[in-house]
């Protein structure tokens, strides 16, 4: 087979591959710009992450549940100590 025919047949495929690659690079660049624009919202100047309202509410709910459990355990221990007396 003639090399010129092979090159002529592969040229459109290679051109399409390069076009796809360039569009993917542009897509990645747009995603990176979007992520970088949101970074100041997520991380403060000193490098600590900020709380979103959802995670802060969940953490508060977890803290309340733990405090309830601790209080319940303290009451049980106190009752057990009084029974042993």
N, C-alpha and C. Protein backbone atom coordinates (compact mmCIF):
# COMPACT_ATOMS: atom_id res chain seq x y z
N UNK A 1 0.83 -1.18 0.00
CA UNK A 1 0.00 0.00 0.00
C UNK A 1 0.88 1.25 0.00
N UNK A 2 0.44 2.24 -0.66
CA UNK A 2 1.19 3.47 -0.82
C UNK A 2 1.11 4.30 0.47
N UNK A 3 2.26 4.81 0.93
CA UNK A 3 2.30 5.62 2.16
C UNK A 3 1.47 6.89 2.03
N UNK A 4 1.42 7.44 0.87
CA UNK A 4 0.65 8.67 0.65
C UNK A 4 -0.83 8.40 0.89
N UNK A 5 -1.33 7.24 0.47
CA UNK A 5 -2.75 6.90 0.71
C UNK A 5 -3.02 6.74 2.19
N UNK A 6 -2.09 6.12 2.91
CA UNK A 6 -2.27 5.93 4.36
C UNK A 6 -2.30 7.28 5.07
N UNK A 7 -1.40 8.16 4.69
CA UNK A 7 -1.36 9.50 5.30
C UNK A 7 -2.64 10.26 4.96
N UNK A 8 -3.09 10.15 3.73
CA UNK A 8 -4.33 10.83 3.33
C UNK A 8 -5.54 10.30 4.09
N UNK A 9 -5.56 9.00 4.41
CA UNK A 9 -6.69 8.42 5.13
C UNK A 9 -6.63 8.77 6.62
N UNK A 10 -5.43 8.86 7.18
CA UNK A 10 -5.29 9.14 8.61
C UNK A 10 -5.38 10.63 8.94
N UNK A 11 -5.16 11.49 7.98
CA UNK A 11 -5.18 12.93 8.24
C UNK A 11 -6.49 13.42 8.86
N UNK A 12 -7.69 13.04 8.33
CA UNK A 12 -8.92 13.51 8.97
C UNK A 12 -9.10 12.98 10.40
N UNK A 13 -8.64 11.76 10.62
CA UNK A 13 -8.74 11.19 11.98
C UNK A 13 -7.84 11.96 12.93
N UNK A 14 -6.62 12.22 12.51
CA UNK A 14 -5.70 12.98 13.36
C UNK A 14 -6.19 14.40 13.58
N UNK A 15 -6.75 14.99 12.57
CA UNK A 15 -7.29 16.35 12.70
C UNK A 15 -8.45 16.37 13.70
N UNK A 16 -9.32 15.37 13.62
CA UNK A 16 -10.43 15.28 14.56
C UNK A 16 -9.92 15.05 15.98
N UNK A 17 -8.89 14.22 16.13
CA UNK A 17 -8.32 13.95 17.46
C UNK A 17 -7.72 15.22 18.05
N UNK A 18 -7.02 16.00 17.25
CA UNK A 18 -6.43 17.25 17.73
C UNK A 18 -7.53 18.24 18.11
N UNK A 19 -8.58 18.31 17.31
CA UNK A 19 -9.70 19.18 17.63
C UNK A 19 -10.38 18.78 18.93
N UNK A 20 -10.57 17.48 19.13
CA UNK A 20 -11.17 16.99 20.38
C UNK A 20 -10.27 17.32 21.56
N UNK A 21 -8.96 17.12 21.39
CA UNK A 21 -8.01 17.40 22.46
C UNK A 21 -8.04 18.88 22.84
N UNK A 22 -8.09 19.75 21.87
CA UNK A 22 -8.14 21.19 22.16
C UNK A 22 -9.44 21.57 22.87
N UNK A 23 -10.55 20.96 22.48
CA UNK A 23 -11.81 21.27 23.16
C UNK A 23 -11.80 20.76 24.60
N UNK A 24 -11.18 19.60 24.83
CA UNK A 24 -11.08 19.09 26.21
C UNK A 24 -10.19 19.97 27.06
N UNK A 25 -9.11 20.47 26.49
CA UNK A 25 -8.22 21.37 27.24
C UNK A 25 -8.98 22.64 27.61
N UNK A 26 -9.78 23.16 26.71
CA UNK A 26 -10.58 24.35 27.00
C UNK A 26 -11.61 24.04 28.09
N UNK A 27 -12.19 22.86 28.05
CA UNK A 27 -13.17 22.46 29.06
C UNK A 27 -12.50 22.37 30.43
N UNK A 28 -11.31 21.75 30.49
CA UNK A 28 -10.59 21.65 31.76
C UNK A 28 -10.21 23.02 32.28
N UNK A 29 -9.83 23.91 31.39
CA UNK A 29 -9.46 25.26 31.81
C UNK A 29 -10.68 25.99 32.40
N UNK A 30 -11.84 25.83 31.78
CA UNK A 30 -13.05 26.46 32.31
C UNK A 30 -13.41 25.91 33.68
N UNK A 31 -13.28 24.59 33.84
CA UNK A 31 -13.57 23.98 35.15
C UNK A 31 -12.58 24.47 36.20
N UNK A 32 -11.32 24.60 35.84
CA UNK A 32 -10.31 25.08 36.77
C UNK A 32 -10.58 26.52 37.19
N UNK A 33 -10.96 27.35 36.24
CA UNK A 33 -11.29 28.74 36.56
C UNK A 33 -12.49 28.80 37.51
N UNK A 34 -13.48 27.95 37.26
CA UNK A 34 -14.66 27.91 38.13
C UNK A 34 -14.29 27.48 39.56
N UNK A 35 -13.44 26.47 39.67
CA UNK A 35 -13.01 26.01 40.99
C UNK A 35 -12.19 27.08 41.70
N UNK A 36 -11.27 27.70 40.98
CA UNK A 36 -10.45 28.75 41.58
C UNK A 36 -11.28 29.95 42.02
N UNK A 37 -12.36 30.22 41.32
CA UNK A 37 -13.19 31.35 41.71
C UNK A 37 -13.96 31.05 42.99
N UNK A 38 -14.20 29.78 43.28
CA UNK A 38 -14.91 29.41 44.50
C UNK A 38 -13.98 29.21 45.69
N UNK A 39 -12.70 29.15 45.48
CA UNK A 39 -11.76 28.90 46.56
C UNK A 39 -11.82 29.93 47.69
N UNK A 40 -11.91 31.23 47.41
CA UNK A 40 -11.97 32.17 48.54
C UNK A 40 -13.19 31.94 49.43
N UNK A 41 -14.25 31.38 48.87
CA UNK A 41 -15.43 31.10 49.67
C UNK A 41 -15.19 29.92 50.59
N UNK A 42 -14.39 28.95 50.15
CA UNK A 42 -14.18 27.71 50.88
C UNK A 42 -13.05 27.78 51.89
N UNK A 43 -12.03 28.60 51.61
CA UNK A 43 -10.84 28.65 52.48
C UNK A 43 -10.54 30.11 52.80
N UNK A 44 -10.31 30.38 54.09
CA UNK A 44 -10.00 31.74 54.52
C UNK A 44 -8.56 32.10 54.18
N UNK A 45 -8.19 33.33 54.44
CA UNK A 45 -6.84 33.80 54.11
C UNK A 45 -5.76 33.07 54.90
N UNK A 46 -6.07 32.65 56.14
CA UNK A 46 -5.06 31.94 56.93
C UNK A 46 -5.02 30.44 56.64
N UNK A 47 -5.82 29.96 55.68
CA UNK A 47 -5.74 28.57 55.25
C UNK A 47 -6.70 27.62 55.91
N UNK A 48 -7.59 28.11 56.76
CA UNK A 48 -8.55 27.21 57.40
C UNK A 48 -9.82 27.14 56.57
N UNK A 49 -10.41 25.96 56.47
CA UNK A 49 -11.66 25.84 55.70
C UNK A 49 -12.82 26.51 56.42
N UNK A 50 -13.72 27.07 55.65
CA UNK A 50 -14.89 27.70 56.24
C UNK A 50 -16.04 26.70 56.31
N UNK A 51 -16.98 26.97 57.18
CA UNK A 51 -18.14 26.10 57.33
C UNK A 51 -19.25 26.54 56.39
N UNK A 52 -19.85 25.58 55.78
CA UNK A 52 -21.07 25.89 55.04
C UNK A 52 -22.22 25.81 56.04
N UNK A 53 -23.33 26.47 55.78
CA UNK A 53 -24.45 26.40 56.72
C UNK A 53 -24.95 24.97 56.95
N UNK A 54 -24.88 24.14 55.94
CA UNK A 54 -25.35 22.76 56.08
C UNK A 54 -24.44 21.97 57.01
N UNK A 55 -23.11 22.07 56.81
CA UNK A 55 -22.21 21.31 57.66
C UNK A 55 -22.20 21.84 59.08
N UNK A 56 -22.36 23.14 59.26
CA UNK A 56 -22.41 23.70 60.60
C UNK A 56 -23.66 23.22 61.33
N UNK A 57 -24.79 23.14 60.65
CA UNK A 57 -26.02 22.65 61.28
C UNK A 57 -25.89 21.17 61.63
N UNK A 58 -25.30 20.40 60.75
CA UNK A 58 -25.11 18.97 61.05
C UNK A 58 -24.16 18.77 62.23
N UNK A 59 -23.09 19.56 62.26
CA UNK A 59 -22.15 19.44 63.38
C UNK A 59 -22.82 19.83 64.68
N UNK A 60 -23.65 20.85 64.67
CA UNK A 60 -24.37 21.25 65.87
C UNK A 60 -25.34 20.16 66.32
N UNK A 61 -26.03 19.54 65.36
CA UNK A 61 -26.95 18.45 65.68
C UNK A 61 -26.19 17.27 66.30
N UNK A 62 -25.02 16.95 65.72
CA UNK A 62 -24.20 15.88 66.28
C UNK A 62 -23.75 16.21 67.70
N UNK A 63 -23.35 17.46 67.91
CA UNK A 63 -22.92 17.89 69.24
C UNK A 63 -24.07 17.78 70.24
N UNK A 64 -25.26 18.21 69.84
CA UNK A 64 -26.42 18.10 70.72
C UNK A 64 -26.74 16.64 71.06
N UNK A 65 -26.67 15.77 70.05
CA UNK A 65 -26.93 14.35 70.29
C UNK A 65 -25.90 13.75 71.24
N UNK A 66 -24.63 14.13 71.05
CA UNK A 66 -23.60 13.62 71.96
C UNK A 66 -23.79 14.14 73.38
N UNK A 67 -24.17 15.39 73.51
CA UNK A 67 -24.40 15.93 74.85
C UNK A 67 -25.57 15.22 75.53
N UNK A 68 -26.62 14.91 74.77
CA UNK A 68 -27.74 14.16 75.33
C UNK A 68 -27.30 12.77 75.79
N UNK A 69 -26.49 12.11 74.97
CA UNK A 69 -26.00 10.78 75.34
C UNK A 69 -25.12 10.84 76.58
N UNK A 70 -24.25 11.86 76.66
CA UNK A 70 -23.38 12.01 77.82
C UNK A 70 -24.21 12.27 79.07
N UNK A 71 -25.20 13.12 78.95
CA UNK A 71 -26.07 13.40 80.09
C UNK A 71 -26.80 12.13 80.54
N UNK A 72 -27.30 11.36 79.58
CA UNK A 72 -27.99 10.11 79.89
C UNK A 72 -27.05 9.13 80.61
N UNK A 73 -25.82 9.04 80.15
CA UNK A 73 -24.85 8.15 80.79
C UNK A 73 -24.50 8.63 82.20
N UNK A 74 -24.40 9.93 82.38
CA UNK A 74 -24.11 10.46 83.71
C UNK A 74 -25.23 10.12 84.69
N UNK A 75 -26.46 10.22 84.24
CA UNK A 75 -27.61 9.89 85.09
C UNK A 75 -27.58 8.40 85.43
N UNK A 76 -27.29 7.57 84.46
CA UNK A 76 -27.25 6.12 84.72
C UNK A 76 -26.14 5.77 85.71
N UNK A 77 -24.99 6.38 85.55
CA UNK A 77 -23.88 6.11 86.48
C UNK A 77 -24.26 6.56 87.87
N UNK A 78 -24.88 7.70 87.97
CA UNK A 78 -25.29 8.20 89.29
C UNK A 78 -26.30 7.26 89.94
N UNK A 79 -27.26 6.75 89.18
CA UNK A 79 -28.24 5.82 89.71
C UNK A 79 -27.58 4.51 90.14
N UNK A 80 -26.62 4.03 89.37
CA UNK A 80 -25.92 2.80 89.73
C UNK A 80 -25.10 2.99 91.02
N UNK A 81 -24.47 4.16 91.14
CA UNK A 81 -23.71 4.45 92.36
C UNK A 81 -24.62 4.52 93.57
N UNK A 82 -25.82 5.10 93.42
CA UNK A 82 -26.74 5.19 94.54
C UNK A 82 -27.28 3.82 94.93
N UNK A 83 -27.50 2.93 93.96
CA UNK A 83 -27.98 1.58 94.27
C UNK A 83 -26.94 0.77 95.02
N UNK A 84 -25.66 1.02 94.73
CA UNK A 84 -24.61 0.28 95.41
C UNK A 84 -24.41 0.73 96.85
N UNK A 85 -24.86 1.91 97.19
CA UNK A 85 -24.71 2.43 98.56
C UNK A 85 -25.62 1.78 99.51
